[in-house]
């Protein structure tokens, strides 16, 4: 896990996993889990825009190109920084 801070708002999130999808270069930074459903996670999405949303891991499983919990060599989302 690694903490990331929004440079503009000061909001902090804890990133537990990074996922890159096969199509259209979407990057998912997993920042939380749904306590009622282990399959649904809260993510910070870096793609056409940067947004925060929920996603089903089983729903994206076939589209995952790369997935890691080793966050030390990754860049943060633009406009965010590792803290």
Protein backbone atom coordinates (compact mmCIF):
# COMPACT_ATOMS: atom_id res chain seq x y z
CA UNK A 1 0.00 0.00 0.00
CA UNK A 2 1.05 3.52 -0.71
CA UNK A 3 -0.47 6.93 0.05
CA UNK A 4 -1.18 9.44 -2.71
CA UNK A 5 -2.18 13.10 -2.29
CA UNK A 6 -4.07 15.36 -4.69
CA UNK A 7 -1.86 18.42 -5.28
CA UNK A 8 -4.84 20.75 -5.77
CA UNK A 9 -7.31 19.62 -3.09
CA UNK A 10 -4.99 18.01 -0.56
CA UNK A 11 -7.15 14.86 -0.51
CA UNK A 12 -5.27 11.72 0.56
CA UNK A 13 -6.02 8.19 -0.62
CA UNK A 14 -4.36 4.86 0.11
CA UNK A 15 -3.60 2.88 -3.04
CA UNK A 16 -3.55 -0.90 -2.53
CA UNK A 17 -3.25 -2.09 -6.14
CA UNK A 18 -2.63 -0.90 -9.69
CA UNK A 19 -4.46 -2.31 -12.73
CA UNK A 20 -3.88 -1.43 -16.41
CA UNK A 21 -6.53 -2.46 -18.91
CA UNK A 22 -5.77 -3.90 -22.37
CA UNK A 23 -7.84 -1.42 -24.36
CA UNK A 24 -7.61 2.34 -24.49
CA UNK A 25 -4.88 2.60 -21.84
CA UNK A 26 -7.07 3.00 -18.76
CA UNK A 27 -5.20 2.77 -15.47
CA UNK A 28 -6.97 1.89 -12.23
CA UNK A 29 -5.57 2.75 -8.80
CA UNK A 30 -7.53 0.70 -6.24
CA UNK A 31 -8.25 2.93 -3.23
CA UNK A 32 -10.95 1.04 -1.34
CA UNK A 33 -13.21 -2.01 -1.11
CA UNK A 34 -16.95 -2.38 -0.78
CA UNK A 35 -17.39 -4.02 2.62
CA UNK A 36 -20.60 -5.75 1.48
CA UNK A 37 -19.06 -7.19 -1.70
CA UNK A 38 -15.38 -8.25 -2.00
CA UNK A 39 -15.62 -8.13 -5.81
CA UNK A 40 -16.40 -4.40 -5.98
CA UNK A 41 -13.60 -1.92 -5.35
CA UNK A 42 -13.30 1.86 -5.29
CA UNK A 43 -10.82 3.14 -7.84
CA UNK A 44 -9.17 6.29 -9.08
CA UNK A 45 -9.28 6.01 -12.89
CA UNK A 46 -6.67 7.62 -15.12
CA UNK A 47 -7.82 7.56 -18.74
CA UNK A 48 -9.46 10.26 -20.84
CA UNK A 49 -10.19 11.99 -17.55
CA UNK A 50 -9.33 11.36 -13.91
CA UNK A 51 -12.31 10.20 -11.89
CA UNK A 52 -13.20 8.25 -8.78
CA UNK A 53 -15.71 5.39 -9.12
CA UNK A 54 -16.51 1.78 -8.23
CA UNK A 55 -15.78 -1.25 -10.43
CA UNK A 56 -16.42 -4.99 -10.34
CA UNK A 57 -13.13 -6.90 -10.56
CA UNK A 58 -14.85 -9.91 -12.13
CA UNK A 59 -16.36 -7.57 -14.73
CA UNK A 60 -12.96 -6.30 -15.88
CA UNK A 61 -10.97 -9.53 -15.37
CA UNK A 62 -10.80 -10.42 -19.10
CA UNK A 63 -9.57 -6.90 -19.96
CA UNK A 64 -6.66 -6.69 -17.51
CA UNK A 65 -3.25 -6.33 -19.20
CA UNK A 66 -1.19 -5.76 -16.05
CA UNK A 67 -1.89 -5.91 -12.32
CA UNK A 68 0.40 -5.36 -9.32
CA UNK A 69 0.48 -4.52 -5.64
CA UNK A 70 4.13 -3.45 -5.93
CA UNK A 71 3.61 0.31 -6.24
CA UNK A 72 7.18 1.50 -5.66
CA UNK A 73 8.13 1.83 -9.33
CA UNK A 74 4.84 3.37 -10.52
CA UNK A 75 4.16 7.03 -11.21
CA UNK A 76 1.20 8.61 -9.43
CA UNK A 77 -1.89 9.84 -11.26
CA UNK A 78 -1.19 13.23 -12.91
CA UNK A 79 -2.04 15.99 -10.43
CA UNK A 80 -1.32 13.64 -7.52
CA UNK A 81 1.90 12.80 -5.68
CA UNK A 82 3.12 9.92 -3.56
CA UNK A 83 3.45 10.85 0.11
